[in-house]
């Protein structure tokens, strides 16, 4: 679900530097404009490498170190699987903006982490887009310029992507403006909630006719149909998600309530990711016709998933008052509002040999098509003006 797309905003101050962005898609190196006054050394955007990790010592990057290390360790196996199965890599992909100073020192100007949302690679999300917290020097390029360069290069590298997702705080006007400049449009606004399960009394029994089932390959289709029913049509098309994609995203970690008579999932909770600041990001889905389960059944469902005291992070659409009231009564703490942004990517497709062959065949068959009678020619060479 789109509620899983959370873009942490580490430093909300994004200002234009003295140099304007000069990055074009496909060009990883960024040079100052020749017509503008000399203002900063050149920097380049490149994939994350192992030797970059010691340079990511700013407080904005430290919480992401485990994620970055994991992506580097899994990069080689993913490349092998890609070569064998011809599919997109599974791990998150990170790019860094690297600047080489005249003294030979190197510094990281920014970091972007992206991940695909399906096996086909048609849908991607921006997981993190962070800049250093430390104040920049006069020789550094503008923060908006660096953010734009990272985002453009990430979109350019995912050549199979047809849609992109990103989120930003509703109070971060600079980040929202940056995303709009790159073609992202707001889709929905969600309220983020943090819930710490307390020791509960003996749980009440499940409602009659409902069974608790764990998420696995045999039950994933039930959860997929439930999320299809709760997701708006426009987002369903952009997400382009299959049953296997749902299993990949949840890591087979989830529970659901199933109506035994219809063999239909009516409520479910599944894992989305581990938050860098602690806790688990989860998604709670309730069928539109079963909203009365927002109470003891859903609370017990969350307790079943949380286990021994794990903090859960949930989202609820701003206009969904019943869910907000239920979360507040549950003891959840409201956090910031996040705006989900999405954009479509249109790429020019070259003429394939198969299409050229069809065009040639069409030209040959056109000679045998019945011809229309020509219009009479005006007498005396009259011309129409």
Protein backbone atom coordinates (compact mmCIF):
# COMPACT_ATOMS: atom_id res chain seq x y z
CA UNK A 1 0.00 0.00 0.00
CA UNK A 2 1.13 3.50 -0.51
CA UNK A 3 1.24 4.09 3.21
CA UNK A 4 4.52 2.24 3.21
CA UNK A 5 6.33 4.87 1.21
CA UNK A 6 7.86 7.08 3.86
CA UNK A 7 10.61 9.47 2.90
CA UNK A 8 12.46 10.62 6.02
CA UNK A 9 13.23 14.32 5.96
CA UNK A 10 16.39 14.72 7.97
CA UNK A 11 17.07 18.38 7.25
CA UNK A 12 14.04 20.37 6.07
CA UNK A 13 16.10 23.39 5.00
CA UNK A 14 16.74 23.03 1.28
CA UNK A 15 18.03 26.22 -0.26
CA UNK A 16 19.27 27.11 -3.68
CA UNK A 17 23.02 27.51 -3.84
CA UNK A 18 24.91 29.99 -6.01
CA UNK A 19 25.04 27.46 -8.85
CA UNK A 20 21.90 26.23 -10.63
CA UNK A 21 21.39 22.55 -11.36
CA UNK A 22 23.10 21.52 -14.57
CA UNK A 23 22.43 17.81 -14.51
CA UNK A 24 20.73 16.26 -17.51
CA UNK A 25 19.38 12.70 -17.42
CA UNK A 26 22.15 10.22 -18.13
CA UNK A 27 24.98 12.50 -17.05
CA UNK A 28 26.32 11.53 -13.65
CA UNK A 29 28.93 14.28 -13.51
CA UNK A 30 27.85 17.83 -12.67
CA UNK A 31 29.96 20.82 -13.72
CA UNK A 32 29.47 24.50 -12.89
CA UNK A 33 28.07 26.53 -15.79
CA UNK A 34 30.82 28.19 -17.87
CA UNK A 35 28.87 31.43 -18.10
CA UNK A 36 28.33 31.66 -14.34
CA UNK A 37 31.01 32.84 -11.93
CA UNK A 38 33.24 30.17 -10.43
CA UNK A 39 31.49 28.97 -7.29
CA UNK A 40 32.11 25.29 -6.47
CA UNK A 41 34.22 22.33 -7.58
CA UNK A 42 32.59 19.74 -9.80
CA UNK A 43 30.80 16.82 -8.18
CA UNK A 44 29.46 13.60 -9.56
CA UNK A 45 26.61 11.21 -8.78
CA UNK A 46 27.64 7.58 -8.65
CA UNK A 47 26.48 4.26 -7.16
CA UNK A 48 27.36 3.60 -3.54
CA UNK A 49 30.65 1.75 -3.04
CA UNK A 50 32.21 0.24 0.05
CA UNK A 51 34.80 2.99 0.36
CA UNK A 52 32.00 5.57 0.58
CA UNK A 53 30.81 4.28 3.98
CA UNK A 54 33.56 6.00 6.05
CA UNK A 55 32.63 9.29 4.35
CA UNK A 56 29.00 8.93 5.46
CA UNK A 57 29.82 10.03 9.00
CA UNK A 58 27.26 12.84 9.22
CA UNK A 59 24.38 12.41 11.67
CA UNK A 60 21.92 12.40 8.77
CA UNK A 61 23.52 9.25 7.29
CA UNK A 62 24.44 7.25 10.41
CA UNK A 63 20.95 5.68 10.95
CA UNK A 64 21.11 4.31 7.40
CA UNK A 65 24.43 2.50 7.81
CA UNK A 66 22.85 -0.97 8.40
CA UNK A 67 20.64 -0.56 5.32
CA UNK A 68 23.58 0.59 3.18
CA UNK A 69 25.84 -2.22 4.36
CA UNK A 70 23.13 -4.77 3.60
CA UNK A 71 22.58 -3.40 0.10
CA UNK A 72 26.31 -3.63 -0.62
CA UNK A 73 26.53 -7.21 0.65
CA UNK A 74 23.56 -8.33 -1.47
CA UNK A 75 24.61 -6.43 -4.59
CA UNK A 76 26.77 -9.26 -6.01
CA UNK A 77 24.19 -12.07 -5.55
CA UNK A 78 21.53 -9.81 -7.03
CA UNK A 79 23.63 -9.16 -10.11
CA UNK A 80 24.05 -12.90 -10.59
CA UNK A 81 20.29 -13.47 -10.27
CA UNK A 82 19.67 -10.64 -12.71
CA UNK A 83 22.01 -12.23 -15.26
CA UNK A 84 20.36 -15.65 -14.89
CA UNK A 85 16.70 -14.65 -14.67
CA UNK A 86 16.78 -11.30 -16.48
CA UNK A 87 14.87 -9.45 -13.78
CA UNK A 88 15.44 -6.35 -11.70
CA UNK A 89 17.63 -6.57 -8.55
CA UNK A 90 15.86 -7.09 -5.25
CA UNK A 91 17.94 -4.91 -2.92
CA UNK A 92 17.79 -1.18 -2.38
CA UNK A 93 19.97 0.89 -4.68
CA UNK A 94 21.88 3.86 -3.30
CA UNK A 95 23.52 6.79 -5.09
CA UNK A 96 25.83 9.38 -3.56
CA UNK A 97 26.79 12.87 -4.68
CA UNK A 98 30.59 12.98 -4.30
CA UNK A 99 32.64 16.18 -4.42
CA UNK A 100 36.42 16.28 -4.76
CA UNK A 101 37.92 19.41 -3.20
CA UNK A 102 41.03 21.14 -4.62
CA UNK A 103 43.07 19.78 -1.70
CA UNK A 104 42.21 16.24 -2.79
CA UNK A 105 39.69 15.62 0.00
CA UNK A 106 36.39 13.96 -0.80
CA UNK A 107 33.05 14.66 0.82
CA UNK A 108 29.51 13.32 0.44
CA UNK A 109 27.00 16.01 -0.50
CA UNK A 110 23.92 13.81 -0.44
CA UNK A 111 22.51 10.30 -0.56
CA UNK A 112 19.44 8.74 -2.19
CA UNK A 113 18.16 5.21 -1.59
CA UNK A 114 15.57 3.74 -3.97
CA UNK A 115 13.83 0.40 -4.18
CA UNK A 116 11.59 -1.21 -6.73
CA UNK A 117 8.07 -2.16 -5.69
CA UNK A 118 7.53 -5.11 -8.02
CA UNK A 119 9.52 -7.83 -9.74
CA UNK A 120 9.00 -6.37 -13.19
CA UNK A 121 10.65 -3.11 -12.12
CA UNK A 122 7.80 -0.97 -13.46
CA UNK A 123 7.22 0.74 -10.09
CA UNK A 124 9.90 2.29 -7.85
CA UNK A 125 9.94 4.29 -4.64
CA UNK A 126 12.32 6.78 -3.05
CA UNK A 127 13.05 5.39 0.40
CA UNK A 128 15.49 8.06 1.62
CA UNK A 129 16.80 11.33 0.25
CA UNK A 130 19.14 12.92 2.79
CA UNK A 131 21.64 15.74 2.89
CA UNK A 132 24.28 16.39 5.57
CA UNK A 133 23.17 18.19 8.70
CA UNK A 134 26.49 19.95 9.03
CA UNK A 135 26.45 23.44 7.56
CA UNK A 136 27.81 23.59 4.03
CA UNK A 137 30.84 25.62 3.07
CA UNK A 138 30.80 28.46 0.52
CA UNK A 139 32.44 26.05 -1.94
CA UNK A 140 29.52 23.62 -1.75
CA UNK A 141 26.75 23.56 -4.35
CA UNK A 142 23.20 24.40 -3.38
CA UNK A 143 21.21 21.84 -1.42
CA UNK A 144 18.33 21.91 -3.91
CA UNK A 145 20.80 21.39 -6.73
CA UNK A 146 22.25 18.28 -5.08
CA UNK A 147 18.80 16.86 -4.29
CA UNK A 148 17.66 17.41 -7.88
CA UNK A 149 20.80 15.78 -9.27
CA UNK A 150 20.35 12.68 -7.09
CA UNK A 151 16.66 12.32 -7.91
CA UNK A 152 17.14 12.77 -11.66
CA UNK A 153 19.99 10.28 -11.83
CA UNK A 154 18.02 7.69 -9.84
CA UNK A 155 15.05 8.02 -12.21
CA UNK A 156 17.32 7.81 -15.24
CA UNK A 157 19.04 4.64 -14.05
CA UNK A 158 15.75 2.74 -13.50
CA UNK A 159 15.05 2.41 -17.22
CA UNK A 160 12.22 -0.08 -16.81
CA UNK A 161 10.32 2.12 -14.33
CA UNK A 162 6.92 3.40 -15.46
CA UNK A 163 5.99 5.05 -12.15
CA UNK A 164 7.78 6.49 -9.12
CA UNK A 165 6.64 7.15 -5.55
CA UNK A 166 8.01 9.39 -2.83
CA UNK A 167 6.73 10.90 0.38
CA UNK A 168 7.53 14.06 2.29
CA UNK A 169 6.31 15.79 5.40
CA UNK A 170 3.33 18.04 4.79
CA UNK A 171 5.27 20.83 6.54
CA UNK A 172 8.36 20.48 4.34
CA UNK A 173 7.45 22.91 1.58
CA UNK A 174 10.92 22.83 0.04
CA UNK A 175 10.90 19.07 -0.36
CA UNK A 176 7.36 19.10 -1.77
CA UNK A 177 8.35 21.84 -4.24
CA UNK A 178 11.38 19.79 -5.29
CA UNK A 179 9.24 16.75 -6.00
CA UNK A 180 6.70 18.81 -7.95
CA UNK A 181 9.50 20.23 -10.09
CA UNK A 182 10.45 16.67 -11.04
CA UNK A 183 6.91 15.77 -12.09
CA UNK A 184 5.57 14.27 -8.86
CA UNK A 185 1.92 14.94 -8.04
CA UNK A 186 0.23 14.52 -4.62
CA UNK A 187 -1.94 11.42 -4.32
CA UNK A 188 -3.00 11.34 -0.66
CA UNK A 189 -2.00 12.60 2.79
CA UNK A 190 -1.53 10.13 5.65
CA UNK A 191 -1.16 10.62 9.38
CA UNK A 192 1.67 8.60 10.91
CA UNK A 193 0.95 6.90 14.26
CA UNK A 194 3.26 5.20 16.75
CA UNK A 195 1.79 2.44 18.92
CA UNK A 196 3.50 0.68 21.78
CA UNK A 197 1.52 -2.40 22.84
CA UNK A 198 0.82 -2.63 26.55
CA UNK A 199 0.20 -5.79 28.50
CA UNK A 200 -3.40 -6.67 27.78
CA UNK A 201 -5.80 -8.89 29.64
CA UNK A 202 -6.98 -12.17 28.22
CA UNK A 203 -7.86 -11.39 24.58
CA UNK A 204 -11.49 -11.78 23.54
CA UNK A 205 -12.36 -14.55 21.10
CA UNK A 206 -12.36 -13.85 17.40
CA UNK A 207 -15.71 -12.96 15.86
CA UNK A 208 -17.76 -15.92 14.75
CA UNK A 209 -16.86 -17.21 11.31
CA UNK A 210 -13.39 -15.59 11.23
CA UNK A 211 -10.13 -17.51 11.36
CA UNK A 212 -6.62 -16.23 12.06
CA UNK A 213 -4.13 -17.26 9.37
CA UNK A 214 -0.46 -16.47 8.89
CA UNK A 215 0.76 -14.83 5.69
CA UNK A 216 2.63 -17.28 3.45
CA UNK A 217 2.66 -18.32 -0.17
CA UNK A 218 -0.56 -20.30 0.18
CA UNK A 219 -2.54 -17.39 1.69
CA UNK A 220 -0.87 -14.46 -0.11
CA UNK A 221 -3.60 -14.35 -2.78
CA UNK A 222 -6.20 -13.64 -0.08
CA UNK A 223 -4.24 -10.66 1.20
CA UNK A 224 -3.61 -9.43 -2.35
CA UNK A 225 -7.37 -9.37 -3.05
CA UNK A 226 -7.95 -7.51 0.22
CA UNK A 227 -5.42 -4.81 -0.64
CA UNK A 228 -6.84 -4.50 -4.13
CA UNK A 229 -10.21 -3.74 -2.55
CA UNK A 230 -8.78 -1.09 -0.18
CA UNK A 231 -6.45 0.65 -2.65
CA UNK A 232 -7.82 3.39 -4.97
CA UNK A 233 -7.94 2.48 -8.65
CA UNK A 234 -5.36 5.05 -9.71
CA UNK A 235 -2.82 3.84 -7.16
CA UNK A 236 -3.48 0.21 -8.08
CA UNK A 237 -2.53 0.98 -11.66
CA UNK A 238 0.63 2.82 -10.67
CA UNK A 239 1.74 0.19 -8.16
CA UNK A 240 1.26 -2.66 -10.66
CA UNK A 241 1.67 -5.22 -7.87
CA UNK A 242 1.19 -8.99 -8.07
CA UNK A 243 0.92 -11.65 -5.37
CA UNK A 244 4.66 -12.37 -5.58
CA UNK A 245 5.42 -8.66 -5.18
CA UNK A 246 3.36 -8.54 -2.00
CA UNK A 247 5.32 -11.48 -0.58
CA UNK A 248 8.61 -9.80 -1.49
CA UNK A 249 7.64 -6.57 0.26
CA UNK A 250 6.32 -8.21 3.42
CA UNK A 251 9.00 -10.86 3.82
CA UNK A 252 6.24 -13.39 4.64
CA UNK A 253 5.61 -11.52 7.90
CA UNK A 254 1.92 -10.90 8.46
CA UNK A 255 -1.40 -12.11 9.84
CA UNK A 256 -4.93 -11.95 8.50
CA UNK A 257 -8.52 -12.63 9.50
CA UNK A 258 -10.28 -14.82 6.95
CA UNK A 259 -14.02 -15.27 6.50
CA UNK A 260 -14.18 -19.06 6.41
CA UNK A 261 -17.52 -19.22 4.61
CA UNK A 262 -16.31 -17.14 1.66
CA UNK A 263 -12.57 -17.85 1.91
CA UNK A 264 -11.95 -14.10 1.87
CA UNK A 265 -9.52 -12.01 3.91
CA UNK A 266 -11.34 -9.18 5.68
CA UNK A 267 -8.54 -7.66 7.79
CA UNK A 268 -4.77 -8.05 7.78
CA UNK A 269 -1.53 -6.59 9.08
CA UNK A 270 1.81 -7.09 7.39
CA UNK A 271 5.39 -5.93 7.79
CA UNK A 272 6.76 -3.21 5.53
CA UNK A 273 10.22 -2.37 6.90
CA UNK A 274 12.28 -1.71 9.99
CA UNK A 275 12.52 1.96 10.90
CA UNK A 276 16.03 3.36 11.42
CA UNK A 277 14.86 5.02 14.65
CA UNK A 278 13.40 1.79 16.02
CA UNK A 279 10.16 -0.10 15.57
CA UNK A 280 8.40 -1.80 12.69
CA UNK A 281 6.49 -0.14 9.88
CA UNK A 282 3.33 -2.14 9.25
CA UNK A 283 0.25 -1.82 7.13
CA UNK A 284 -3.22 -2.50 8.52
CA UNK A 285 -5.84 -3.26 5.88
CA UNK A 286 -9.56 -3.61 6.62
CA UNK A 287 -12.14 -4.46 3.95
CA UNK A 288 -14.55 -1.55 3.28
CA UNK A 289 -17.52 -3.79 4.20
CA UNK A 290 -15.89 -4.92 7.47
CA UNK A 291 -15.06 -1.60 9.09
CA UNK A 292 -16.78 -2.75 12.28
CA UNK A 293 -13.65 -4.83 12.95
CA UNK A 294 -11.86 -1.60 13.95
CA UNK A 295 -11.99 -2.42 17.62
CA UNK A 296 -11.10 -5.49 19.65
CA UNK A 297 -10.48 -7.75 16.58
CA UNK A 298 -7.97 -5.38 14.96
CA UNK A 299 -6.35 -4.62 18.32
CA UNK A 300 -5.81 -8.33 18.92
CA UNK A 301 -4.48 -8.63 15.37
CA UNK A 302 -1.88 -5.95 16.09
CA UNK A 303 -0.94 -7.62 19.37
CA UNK A 304 -0.46 -10.91 17.52
CA UNK A 305 1.93 -9.25 15.09
CA UNK A 306 3.81 -7.10 17.61
CA UNK A 307 4.66 -10.05 19.82
CA UNK A 308 6.92 -9.13 22.73
CA UNK A 309 6.74 -5.36 22.89
CA UNK A 310 7.68 -4.27 19.36
CA UNK A 311 6.71 -0.68 18.58
CA UNK A 312 4.49 -0.46 15.50
CA UNK A 313 4.23 2.48 13.11
CA UNK A 314 0.94 2.72 11.21
CA UNK A 315 -0.58 5.22 8.82
CA UNK A 316 -4.15 6.39 8.35
CA UNK A 317 -5.48 8.70 5.67
CA UNK A 318 -6.16 12.19 6.98
CA UNK A 319 -9.87 12.01 6.12
CA UNK A 320 -10.40 8.59 7.75
CA UNK A 321 -11.91 9.79 11.04
CA UNK A 322 -13.10 6.38 12.33
CA UNK A 323 -9.57 4.97 12.11
CA UNK A 324 -8.08 8.05 13.75
CA UNK A 325 -10.52 7.80 16.64
CA UNK A 326 -9.79 4.10 17.04
CA UNK A 327 -6.01 4.62 17.02
CA UNK A 328 -6.29 7.40 19.59
CA UNK A 329 -8.46 5.20 21.84
CA UNK A 330 -5.89 2.44 21.39
CA UNK A 331 -3.22 4.69 22.88
CA UNK A 332 -1.33 5.39 19.68
CA UNK A 333 0.61 8.66 19.43
CA UNK A 334 0.02 10.85 16.35
CA UNK A 335 3.16 11.89 14.51
CA UNK A 336 3.72 13.98 11.40
CA UNK A 337 1.57 14.01 8.28
CA UNK A 338 3.14 12.56 5.15
CA UNK A 339 2.14 13.43 1.57
CA UNK A 340 2.35 10.61 -0.95
CA UNK A 341 3.67 11.82 -4.31
CA UNK A 342 3.74 9.87 -7.57
CA UNK A 343 4.80 10.43 -11.15
CA UNK A 344 4.72 8.48 -14.40
CA UNK A 345 7.76 8.04 -16.60
CA UNK A 346 7.37 8.16 -20.35
CA UNK A 347 10.33 7.01 -22.44
CA UNK A 348 10.69 7.17 -26.20
CA UNK A 349 10.76 3.65 -27.61
CA UNK A 350 12.84 2.93 -30.67
CA UNK A 351 11.33 1.08 -33.60
CA UNK A 352 11.87 -2.64 -33.04
CA UNK A 353 12.64 -5.03 -35.94
CA UNK A 354 9.28 -6.74 -35.44
CA UNK A 355 7.42 -3.42 -35.83
CA UNK A 356 9.45 -2.58 -38.93
CA UNK A 357 8.53 -5.95 -40.43
CA UNK A 358 4.85 -5.37 -39.74
CA UNK A 359 5.08 -1.93 -41.35
CA UNK A 360 6.67 -3.38 -44.51
CA UNK A 361 3.99 -6.10 -44.69
CA UNK A 362 1.30 -3.45 -44.29
CA UNK A 363 2.76 -1.47 -47.19
CA UNK A 364 2.64 -4.54 -49.43
CA UNK A 365 -0.93 -5.44 -48.48
CA UNK A 366 -2.05 -1.86 -49.00
CA UNK A 367 -1.56 -2.31 -52.75
CA UNK A 368 -4.35 -4.90 -52.78
CA UNK A 369 -6.82 -2.81 -50.80
CA UNK A 370 -9.87 -1.48 -52.68
CA UNK A 371 -9.23 2.06 -53.89
CA UNK A 372 -11.61 4.98 -53.51
CA UNK A 373 -12.75 6.76 -56.65
CA UNK A 374 -10.68 9.90 -57.19
CA UNK A 375 -12.34 13.30 -57.00
CA UNK A 376 -12.83 15.05 -60.39
CA UNK A 377 -10.15 17.56 -61.35
CA UNK A 378 -11.37 21.15 -61.95
CA UNK A 379 -11.53 22.12 -65.67
CA UNK A 380 -9.11 24.68 -66.92
CA UNK A 381 -6.65 24.28 -64.09
CA UNK A 382 -8.74 26.19 -61.55
CA UNK A 383 -7.09 26.52 -58.22
CA UNK A 384 -8.73 26.86 -54.83
CA UNK A 385 -7.68 29.87 -52.76
